[in-house]
């Protein structure tokens, strides 16, 4: 494994335990090991089984796994890290934050300004202000770098707003839905372990690095998602995904 002075973590990854994930937990942690990551967080949509399964491979691949979840509240999406069990979706933002805190988890705001038609909504600026004004819902970190094409669009705004207004710990995540995209967005931190990372987030000592998934590659992931979902749910549920694909093609000219 590559030697480096700072720990390296990808804190936003989806496995096949997400409705839109294409790679197994083992494939993800194997890729993480091959590219020199110390830590990954598997943050499936409304599921934690994939993260727990990945933890079974920690010793085999030498990568630690944080149990996370990307949770859809009725006011946007939020990430919970260091969880012990699944948190149900559909609650208010503040109820969801409390549920994360009750598990001694960390609250991360993912892609806060990355809105796209027919996708799950981000928190947005107004809700971030609301969270910052309430000491009980204060976030621990903000995902400044999200490696999707939509994350690229909002990257500069997110970094600027956080530096000038919120001053939250910065984290990065690939938002990978397939193993080859793991590590595109990396959070750097002093140390190597999960506890080192947790401490760095709370002390705002994290840094971010990485790049962005190409529009063509992202569209291919969506295409594979459509095929996968179609096989498992039937064509009548596919209309929103076909509309999303058409919208993506039109917007990015692919």
C-alpha atoms as a PDB file:
ATOM      1  CA  UNK A   1       0.000   0.000   0.000  1.00  0.00           C
ATOM      2  CA  UNK A   2       1.159   3.515  -0.802  1.00  0.00           C
ATOM      3  CA  UNK A   3       2.876   5.319   2.069  1.00  0.00           C
ATOM      4  CA  UNK A   4       1.495   8.750   2.912  1.00  0.00           C
ATOM      5  CA  UNK A   5       1.607  11.153   5.835  1.00  0.00           C
ATOM      6  CA  UNK A   6      -2.120  11.895   5.987  1.00  0.00           C
ATOM      7  CA  UNK A   7      -4.916   9.383   6.257  1.00  0.00           C
ATOM      8  CA  UNK A   8      -7.121   9.045   3.180  1.00  0.00           C
ATOM      9  CA  UNK A   9     -10.862   8.398   3.287  1.00  0.00           C
ATOM     10  CA  UNK A  10     -13.709   8.322   0.792  1.00  0.00           C
ATOM     11  CA  UNK A  11     -16.783   9.183   2.857  1.00  0.00           C
ATOM     12  CA  UNK A  12     -19.620   8.755   0.355  1.00  0.00           C
ATOM     13  CA  UNK A  13     -19.982   5.404  -1.428  1.00  0.00           C
ATOM     14  CA  UNK A  14     -22.981   3.312  -2.497  1.00  0.00           C
ATOM     15  CA  UNK A  15     -23.045  -0.479  -2.779  1.00  0.00           C
ATOM     16  CA  UNK A  16     -25.573  -2.934  -4.187  1.00  0.00           C
ATOM     17  CA  UNK A  17     -27.510  -2.468  -0.950  1.00  0.00           C
ATOM     18  CA  UNK A  18     -28.576   0.908  -2.372  1.00  0.00           C
ATOM     19  CA  UNK A  19     -31.301   0.754  -5.012  1.00  0.00           C
ATOM     20  CA  UNK A  20     -28.871   2.461  -7.401  1.00  0.00           C
ATOM     21  CA  UNK A  21     -25.545   0.876  -6.398  1.00  0.00           C
ATOM     22  CA  UNK A  22     -23.783  -1.406  -8.872  1.00  0.00           C
ATOM     23  CA  UNK A  23     -20.851  -2.889  -6.913  1.00  0.00           C
ATOM     24  CA  UNK A  24     -20.751  -5.293  -3.995  1.00  0.00           C
ATOM     25  CA  UNK A  25     -19.277  -4.280  -0.629  1.00  0.00           C
ATOM     26  CA  UNK A  26     -16.277  -6.554  -1.202  1.00  0.00           C
ATOM     27  CA  UNK A  27     -15.601  -5.102  -4.659  1.00  0.00           C
ATOM     28  CA  UNK A  28     -15.672  -1.620  -3.135  1.00  0.00           C
ATOM     29  CA  UNK A  29     -13.269  -2.334  -0.275  1.00  0.00           C
ATOM     30  CA  UNK A  30     -10.938  -4.236  -2.617  1.00  0.00           C
ATOM     31  CA  UNK A  31     -10.769  -1.203  -4.911  1.00  0.00           C
ATOM     32  CA  UNK A  32     -10.180   1.060  -1.908  1.00  0.00           C
ATOM     33  CA  UNK A  33      -7.219  -1.094  -0.862  1.00  0.00           C
ATOM     34  CA  UNK A  34      -5.778  -1.119  -4.377  1.00  0.00           C
ATOM     35  CA  UNK A  35      -5.721   2.687  -4.577  1.00  0.00           C
ATOM     36  CA  UNK A  36      -4.299   3.219  -1.085  1.00  0.00           C
ATOM     37  CA  UNK A  37      -7.294   4.410   0.913  1.00  0.00           C
ATOM     38  CA  UNK A  38      -7.202   3.904   4.675  1.00  0.00           C
ATOM     39  CA  UNK A  39     -10.925   4.296   5.297  1.00  0.00           C
ATOM     40  CA  UNK A  40     -14.187   4.172   3.388  1.00  0.00           C
ATOM     41  CA  UNK A  41     -17.710   4.995   4.459  1.00  0.00           C
ATOM     42  CA  UNK A  42     -20.449   3.000   2.780  1.00  0.00           C
ATOM     43  CA  UNK A  43     -23.455   5.295   2.816  1.00  0.00           C
ATOM     44  CA  UNK A  44     -26.258   3.438   1.095  1.00  0.00           C
ATOM     45  CA  UNK A  45     -29.697   4.968   0.677  1.00  0.00           C
ATOM     46  CA  UNK A  46     -31.762   3.987   3.723  1.00  0.00           C
ATOM     47  CA  UNK A  47     -29.638   0.879   4.374  1.00  0.00           C
ATOM     48  CA  UNK A  48     -26.656  -0.091   6.523  1.00  0.00           C
ATOM     49  CA  UNK A  49     -26.336  -3.792   5.657  1.00  0.00           C
ATOM     50  CA  UNK A  50     -23.774  -3.093   2.932  1.00  0.00           C
ATOM     51  CA  UNK A  51     -21.502  -1.258   5.358  1.00  0.00           C
ATOM     52  CA  UNK A  52     -21.695  -4.041   7.938  1.00  0.00           C
ATOM     53  CA  UNK A  53     -20.939  -6.586   5.230  1.00  0.00           C
ATOM     54  CA  UNK A  54     -17.919  -4.556   4.086  1.00  0.00           C
ATOM     55  CA  UNK A  55     -16.588  -4.529   7.654  1.00  0.00           C
ATOM     56  CA  UNK A  56     -16.177  -8.305   7.421  1.00  0.00           C
ATOM     57  CA  UNK A  57     -13.433  -7.693   4.846  1.00  0.00           C
ATOM     58  CA  UNK A  58     -11.478  -5.082   6.829  1.00  0.00           C
ATOM     59  CA  UNK A  59      -8.670  -7.430   7.880  1.00  0.00           C
ATOM     60  CA  UNK A  60      -8.449  -9.070   4.461  1.00  0.00           C
ATOM     61  CA  UNK A  61      -7.921  -5.782   2.628  1.00  0.00           C
ATOM     62  CA  UNK A  62      -6.465  -3.552   5.348  1.00  0.00           C
ATOM     63  CA  UNK A  63      -9.113  -0.843   4.978  1.00  0.00           C
ATOM     64  CA  UNK A  64     -11.400   0.311   7.787  1.00  0.00           C
ATOM     65  CA  UNK A  65     -15.110   0.752   7.086  1.00  0.00           C
ATOM     66  CA  UNK A  66     -17.403   3.361   8.632  1.00  0.00           C
ATOM     67  CA  UNK A  67     -21.075   2.447   8.810  1.00  0.00           C
ATOM     68  CA  UNK A  68     -22.951   5.293   7.192  1.00  0.00           C
ATOM     69  CA  UNK A  69     -26.304   6.013   5.601  1.00  0.00           C
ATOM     70  CA  UNK A  70     -27.637   8.588   3.158  1.00  0.00           C
ATOM     71  CA  UNK A  71     -31.029   9.443   4.586  1.00  0.00           C
ATOM     72  CA  UNK A  72     -33.834  11.224   2.763  1.00  0.00           C
ATOM     73  CA  UNK A  73     -35.579  13.589   5.175  1.00  0.00           C
ATOM     74  CA  UNK A  74     -38.671  15.528   4.184  1.00  0.00           C
ATOM     75  CA  UNK A  75     -36.382  18.542   3.698  1.00  0.00           C
ATOM     76  CA  UNK A  76     -33.485  17.002   1.790  1.00  0.00           C
ATOM     77  CA  UNK A  77     -30.728  14.412   2.122  1.00  0.00           C
ATOM     78  CA  UNK A  78     -28.303  14.040   5.000  1.00  0.00           C
ATOM     79  CA  UNK A  79     -25.406  11.679   5.762  1.00  0.00           C
ATOM     80  CA  UNK A  80     -25.007   9.892   9.055  1.00  0.00           C
ATOM     81  CA  UNK A  81     -21.547   8.460   9.812  1.00  0.00           C
ATOM     82  CA  UNK A  82     -20.433   6.093  12.596  1.00  0.00           C
ATOM     83  CA  UNK A  83     -23.903   4.594  12.887  1.00  0.00           C
ATOM     84  CA  UNK A  84     -24.916   1.454  14.742  1.00  0.00           C
ATOM     85  CA  UNK A  85     -28.246   0.806  13.019  1.00  0.00           C
ATOM     86  CA  UNK A  86     -30.449   2.013  10.179  1.00  0.00           C
ATOM     87  CA  UNK A  87     -32.317   5.305  10.476  1.00  0.00           C
ATOM     88  CA  UNK A  88     -35.714   5.462   8.795  1.00  0.00           C
ATOM     89  CA  UNK A  89     -36.268   7.991   6.029  1.00  0.00           C
ATOM     90  CA  UNK A  90     -39.120  10.488   5.750  1.00  0.00           C
ATOM     91  CA  UNK A  91     -38.624  12.217   9.097  1.00  0.00           C
ATOM     92  CA  UNK A  92     -37.993  15.926   9.492  1.00  0.00           C
ATOM     93  CA  UNK A  93     -34.435  17.148   9.121  1.00  0.00           C
ATOM     94  CA  UNK A  94     -34.166  17.855  12.837  1.00  0.00           C
ATOM     95  CA  UNK A  95     -35.641  14.465  13.828  1.00  0.00           C
ATOM     96  CA  UNK A  96     -33.085  12.780  11.592  1.00  0.00           C
ATOM     97  CA  UNK A  97     -30.204  14.745  13.097  1.00  0.00           C
ATOM     98  CA  UNK A  98     -31.383  13.705  16.560  1.00  0.00           C
ATOM     99  CA  UNK A  99     -31.543  10.057  15.463  1.00  0.00           C
ATOM    100  CA  UNK A 100     -27.935  10.273  14.252  1.00  0.00           C
ATOM    101  CA  UNK A 101     -26.811  11.942  17.481  1.00  0.00           C
ATOM    102  CA  UNK A 102     -28.620   9.298  19.546  1.00  0.00           C
ATOM    103  CA  UNK A 103     -26.272   6.736  17.968  1.00  0.00           C
ATOM    104  CA  UNK A 104     -23.235   8.940  18.675  1.00  0.00           C
ATOM    105  CA  UNK A 105     -22.940   9.472  14.940  1.00  0.00           C
ATOM    106  CA  UNK A 106     -21.658  12.434  12.975  1.00  0.00           C
ATOM    107  CA  UNK A 107     -23.908  14.621  10.830  1.00  0.00           C
ATOM    108  CA  UNK A 108     -22.642  15.500   7.355  1.00  0.00           C
ATOM    109  CA  UNK A 109     -24.429  17.630   4.769  1.00  0.00           C
ATOM    110  CA  UNK A 110     -23.860  15.989   1.352  1.00  0.00           C
ATOM    111  CA  UNK A 111     -23.847  17.925  -1.939  1.00  0.00           C
ATOM    112  CA  UNK A 112     -25.825  20.779  -0.307  1.00  0.00           C
ATOM    113  CA  UNK A 113     -26.389  22.752  -3.519  1.00  0.00           C
ATOM    114  CA  UNK A 114     -26.322  19.943  -6.102  1.00  0.00           C
ATOM    115  CA  UNK A 115     -29.874  19.962  -7.376  1.00  0.00           C
ATOM    116  CA  UNK A 116     -30.979  18.117 -10.499  1.00  0.00           C
ATOM    117  CA  UNK A 117     -34.504  17.337 -11.776  1.00  0.00           C
ATOM    118  CA  UNK A 118     -36.001  14.009 -10.639  1.00  0.00           C
ATOM    119  CA  UNK A 119     -33.197  13.322  -8.169  1.00  0.00           C
ATOM    120  CA  UNK A 120     -33.387  13.353  -4.391  1.00  0.00           C
ATOM    121  CA  UNK A 121     -33.234  16.960  -3.149  1.00  0.00           C
ATOM    122  CA  UNK A 122     -30.239  18.573  -1.410  1.00  0.00           C
ATOM    123  CA  UNK A 123     -30.540  20.459   1.864  1.00  0.00           C
ATOM    124  CA  UNK A 124     -29.924  23.866   0.310  1.00  0.00           C
ATOM    125  CA  UNK A 125     -28.778  27.163   1.758  1.00  0.00           C
ATOM    126  CA  UNK A 126     -31.889  28.073   3.772  1.00  0.00           C
ATOM    127  CA  UNK A 127     -31.983  24.771   5.646  1.00  0.00           C
ATOM    128  CA  UNK A 128     -28.266  25.029   6.337  1.00  0.00           C
ATOM    129  CA  UNK A 129     -28.876  28.402   7.965  1.00  0.00           C
ATOM    130  CA  UNK A 130     -31.682  26.854  10.030  1.00  0.00           C
ATOM    131  CA  UNK A 131     -29.382  24.046  11.181  1.00  0.00           C
ATOM    132  CA  UNK A 132     -26.600  26.448  12.116  1.00  0.00           C
ATOM    133  CA  UNK A 133     -28.964  28.495  14.282  1.00  0.00           C
ATOM    134  CA  UNK A 134     -30.057  25.451  16.297  1.00  0.00           C
ATOM    135  CA  UNK A 135     -27.319  24.061  18.568  1.00  0.00           C
ATOM    136  CA  UNK A 136     -29.069  20.677  18.642  1.00  0.00           C
ATOM    137  CA  UNK A 137     -28.922  20.270  14.855  1.00  0.00           C
ATOM    138  CA  UNK A 138     -25.513  21.825  14.160  1.00  0.00           C
ATOM    139  CA  UNK A 139     -23.794  19.725  11.446  1.00  0.00           C
ATOM    140  CA  UNK A 140     -20.349  18.263  12.017  1.00  0.00           C
ATOM    141  CA  UNK A 141     -19.171  18.605   8.419  1.00  0.00           C
ATOM    142  CA  UNK A 142     -20.127  19.621   4.918  1.00  0.00           C
ATOM    143  CA  UNK A 143     -19.328  17.649   1.779  1.00  0.00           C
ATOM    144  CA  UNK A 144     -17.571  20.368  -0.187  1.00  0.00           C
ATOM    145  CA  UNK A 145     -16.260  18.012  -2.858  1.00  0.00           C
ATOM    146  CA  UNK A 146     -18.730  15.554  -4.353  1.00  0.00           C
ATOM    147  CA  UNK A 147     -17.202  13.872  -7.393  1.00  0.00           C
ATOM    148  CA  UNK A 148     -20.333  13.589  -9.522  1.00  0.00           C
ATOM    149  CA  UNK A 149     -20.847  15.968 -12.491  1.00  0.00           C
ATOM    150  CA  UNK A 150     -23.540  17.735 -10.459  1.00  0.00           C
ATOM    151  CA  UNK A 151     -21.050  18.103  -7.608  1.00  0.00           C
ATOM    152  CA  UNK A 152     -18.625  19.727 -10.027  1.00  0.00           C
ATOM    153  CA  UNK A 153     -21.200  22.414 -10.860  1.00  0.00           C
ATOM    154  CA  UNK A 154     -21.670  23.411  -7.209  1.00  0.00           C
ATOM    155  CA  UNK A 155     -18.105  22.836  -5.945  1.00  0.00           C
ATOM    156  CA  UNK A 156     -16.900  26.440  -6.025  1.00  0.00           C
ATOM    157  CA  UNK A 157     -20.121  27.756  -4.477  1.00  0.00           C
ATOM    158  CA  UNK A 158     -20.017  25.183  -1.702  1.00  0.00           C
ATOM    159  CA  UNK A 159     -16.374  25.891  -0.873  1.00  0.00           C
ATOM    160  CA  UNK A 160     -16.918  29.656  -0.924  1.00  0.00           C
ATOM    161  CA  UNK A 161     -20.069  29.565   1.220  1.00  0.00           C
ATOM    162  CA  UNK A 162     -18.456  27.295   3.785  1.00  0.00           C
ATOM    163  CA  UNK A 163     -15.284  29.381   4.051  1.00  0.00           C
ATOM    164  CA  UNK A 164     -17.117  32.698   4.309  1.00  0.00           C
ATOM    165  CA  UNK A 165     -20.187  31.734   6.328  1.00  0.00           C
ATOM    166  CA  UNK A 166     -20.398  28.303   7.948  1.00  0.00           C
ATOM    167  CA  UNK A 167     -16.790  27.281   8.690  1.00  0.00           C
ATOM    168  CA  UNK A 168     -17.677  23.601   9.013  1.00  0.00           C
ATOM    169  CA  UNK A 169     -15.192  20.760   8.652  1.00  0.00           C
ATOM    170  CA  UNK A 170     -14.695  20.025   4.943  1.00  0.00           C
ATOM    171  CA  UNK A 171     -15.042  16.473   3.692  1.00  0.00           C
ATOM    172  CA  UNK A 172     -14.947  14.887   0.252  1.00  0.00           C
ATOM    173  CA  UNK A 173     -16.663  11.835  -1.153  1.00  0.00           C
ATOM    174  CA  UNK A 174     -16.817  10.217  -4.548  1.00  0.00           C
ATOM    175  CA  UNK A 175     -20.550   9.454  -4.279  1.00  0.00           C
ATOM    176  CA  UNK A 176     -19.483   6.364  -6.195  1.00  0.00           C
ATOM    177  CA  UNK A 177     -22.191   3.999  -7.383  1.00  0.00           C
ATOM    178  CA  UNK A 178     -19.666   1.671  -9.013  1.00  0.00           C
ATOM    179  CA  UNK A 179     -16.328   0.519  -7.623  1.00  0.00           C
ATOM    180  CA  UNK A 180     -14.143   2.102 -10.301  1.00  0.00           C
ATOM    181  CA  UNK A 181     -15.206   5.568  -9.076  1.00  0.00           C
ATOM    182  CA  UNK A 182     -14.176   4.910  -5.465  1.00  0.00           C
ATOM    183  CA  UNK A 183     -11.496   7.367  -4.359  1.00  0.00           C
ATOM    184  CA  UNK A 184     -12.417  10.136  -6.803  1.00  0.00           C
ATOM    185  CA  UNK A 185     -13.166  12.347  -3.798  1.00  0.00           C
ATOM    186  CA  UNK A 186     -10.861  11.979  -0.782  1.00  0.00           C
ATOM    187  CA  UNK A 187     -10.874  13.414   2.731  1.00  0.00           C
ATOM    188  CA  UNK A 188      -7.370  13.853   4.164  1.00  0.00           C
ATOM    189  CA  UNK A 189      -6.843  13.767   7.932  1.00  0.00           C
ATOM    190  CA  UNK A 190      -4.051  13.430  10.510  1.00  0.00           C
ATOM    191  CA  UNK A 191      -3.723   9.747  11.442  1.00  0.00           C
ATOM    192  CA  UNK A 192      -4.934   6.501   9.883  1.00  0.00           C
ATOM    193  CA  UNK A 193      -7.842   5.101  11.895  1.00  0.00           C
ATOM    194  CA  UNK A 194     -11.571   5.728  12.077  1.00  0.00           C
ATOM    195  CA  UNK A 195     -11.150   7.373  15.449  1.00  0.00           C
ATOM    196  CA  UNK A 196      -8.404   9.607  14.050  1.00  0.00           C
ATOM    197  CA  UNK A 197     -10.801  10.659  11.309  1.00  0.00           C
ATOM    198  CA  UNK A 198     -13.639  11.278  13.724  1.00  0.00           C
ATOM    199  CA  UNK A 199     -11.358  13.457  15.865  1.00  0.00           C
ATOM    200  CA  UNK A 200     -10.141  15.370  12.810  1.00  0.00           C
ATOM    201  CA  UNK A 201     -13.708  16.142  11.706  1.00  0.00           C
ATOM    202  CA  UNK A 202     -14.701  17.373  15.149  1.00  0.00           C
ATOM    203  CA  UNK A 203     -11.554  19.505  15.366  1.00  0.00           C
ATOM    204  CA  UNK A 204     -11.918  20.765  11.762  1.00  0.00           C
ATOM    205  CA  UNK A 205      -8.525  19.407  10.737  1.00  0.00           C
ATOM    206  CA  UNK A 206      -9.625  17.690   7.541  1.00  0.00           C
ATOM    207  CA  UNK A 207      -8.612  18.620   3.999  1.00  0.00           C
ATOM    208  CA  UNK A 208     -10.082  17.619   0.668  1.00  0.00           C
ATOM    209  CA  UNK A 209      -8.642  16.443  -2.627  1.00  0.00           C
ATOM    210  CA  UNK A 210      -9.822  14.648  -5.717  1.00  0.00           C
ATOM    211  CA  UNK A 211     -11.525  15.148  -9.035  1.00  0.00           C
ATOM    212  CA  UNK A 212     -14.788  14.610 -10.837  1.00  0.00           C
ATOM    213  CA  UNK A 213     -16.427  11.733 -12.658  1.00  0.00           C
ATOM    214  CA  UNK A 214     -16.906  12.520 -16.342  1.00  0.00           C
ATOM    215  CA  UNK A 215     -20.382  13.208 -17.691  1.00  0.00           C
ATOM    216  CA  UNK A 216     -20.132  10.212 -19.999  1.00  0.00           C
ATOM    217  CA  UNK A 217     -19.137   7.839 -17.201  1.00  0.00           C
ATOM    218  CA  UNK A 218     -21.900   9.169 -14.959  1.00  0.00           C
ATOM    219  CA  UNK A 219     -24.473   8.697 -17.716  1.00  0.00           C
ATOM    220  CA  UNK A 220     -23.280   5.112 -18.146  1.00  0.00           C
ATOM    221  CA  UNK A 221     -23.854   4.432 -14.444  1.00  0.00           C
ATOM    222  CA  UNK A 222     -27.390   5.804 -14.777  1.00  0.00           C
ATOM    223  CA  UNK A 223     -27.960   3.579 -17.817  1.00  0.00           C
ATOM    224  CA  UNK A 224     -26.855   0.513 -15.858  1.00  0.00           C
ATOM    225  CA  UNK A 225     -29.085   1.576 -12.969  1.00  0.00           C
ATOM    226  CA  UNK A 226     -32.053   1.734 -15.320  1.00  0.00           C
ATOM    227  CA  UNK A 227     -31.365  -1.796 -16.530  1.00  0.00           C
ATOM    228  CA  UNK A 228     -30.881  -3.115 -12.995  1.00  0.00           C
ATOM    229  CA  UNK A 229     -33.997  -1.448 -11.619  1.00  0.00           C
ATOM    230  CA  UNK A 230     -36.002  -2.575 -14.632  1.00  0.00           C
ATOM    231  CA  UNK A 231     -35.112  -6.192 -14.017  1.00  0.00           C
ATOM    232  CA  UNK A 232     -36.146  -6.009 -10.374  1.00  0.00           C
ATOM    233  CA  UNK A 233     -39.197  -3.746 -10.413  1.00  0.00           C
ATOM    234  CA  UNK A 234     -40.783  -3.839 -13.862  1.00  0.00           C
ATOM    235  CA  UNK A 235     -41.126  -1.315 -16.646  1.00  0.00           C
ATOM    236  CA  UNK A 236     -43.969   0.671 -15.132  1.00  0.00           C
ATOM    237  CA  UNK A 237     -41.651   2.002 -12.420  1.00  0.00           C
ATOM    238  CA  UNK A 238     -38.979   3.023 -14.907  1.00  0.00           C
ATOM    239  CA  UNK A 239     -40.572   6.140 -16.352  1.00  0.00           C
ATOM    240  CA  UNK A 240     -38.860   8.557 -13.901  1.00  0.00           C
ATOM    241  CA  UNK A 241     -35.483   7.014 -14.690  1.00  0.00           C
ATOM    242  CA  UNK A 242     -35.990   7.298 -18.446  1.00  0.00           C
ATOM    243  CA  UNK A 243     -36.964  10.942 -17.965  1.00  0.00           C
ATOM    244  CA  UNK A 244     -33.830  11.478 -15.873  1.00  0.00           C
ATOM    245  CA  UNK A 245     -31.660   9.853 -18.537  1.00  0.00           C
ATOM    246  CA  UNK A 246     -33.213  12.003 -21.275  1.00  0.00           C
ATOM    247  CA  UNK A 247     -32.753  15.133 -19.169  1.00  0.00           C
ATOM    248  CA  UNK A 248     -29.121  14.200 -18.483  1.00  0.00           C
ATOM    249  CA  UNK A 249     -28.447  13.577 -22.167  1.00  0.00           C
ATOM    250  CA  UNK A 250     -30.014  16.895 -23.163  1.00  0.00           C
ATOM    251  CA  UNK A 251     -28.181  18.874 -20.486  1.00  0.00           C
ATOM    252  CA  UNK A 252     -24.744  17.416 -21.090  1.00  0.00           C
ATOM    253  CA  UNK A 253     -25.139  16.776 -24.853  1.00  0.00           C
ATOM    254  CA  UNK A 254     -24.237  13.099 -24.605  1.00  0.00           C
END
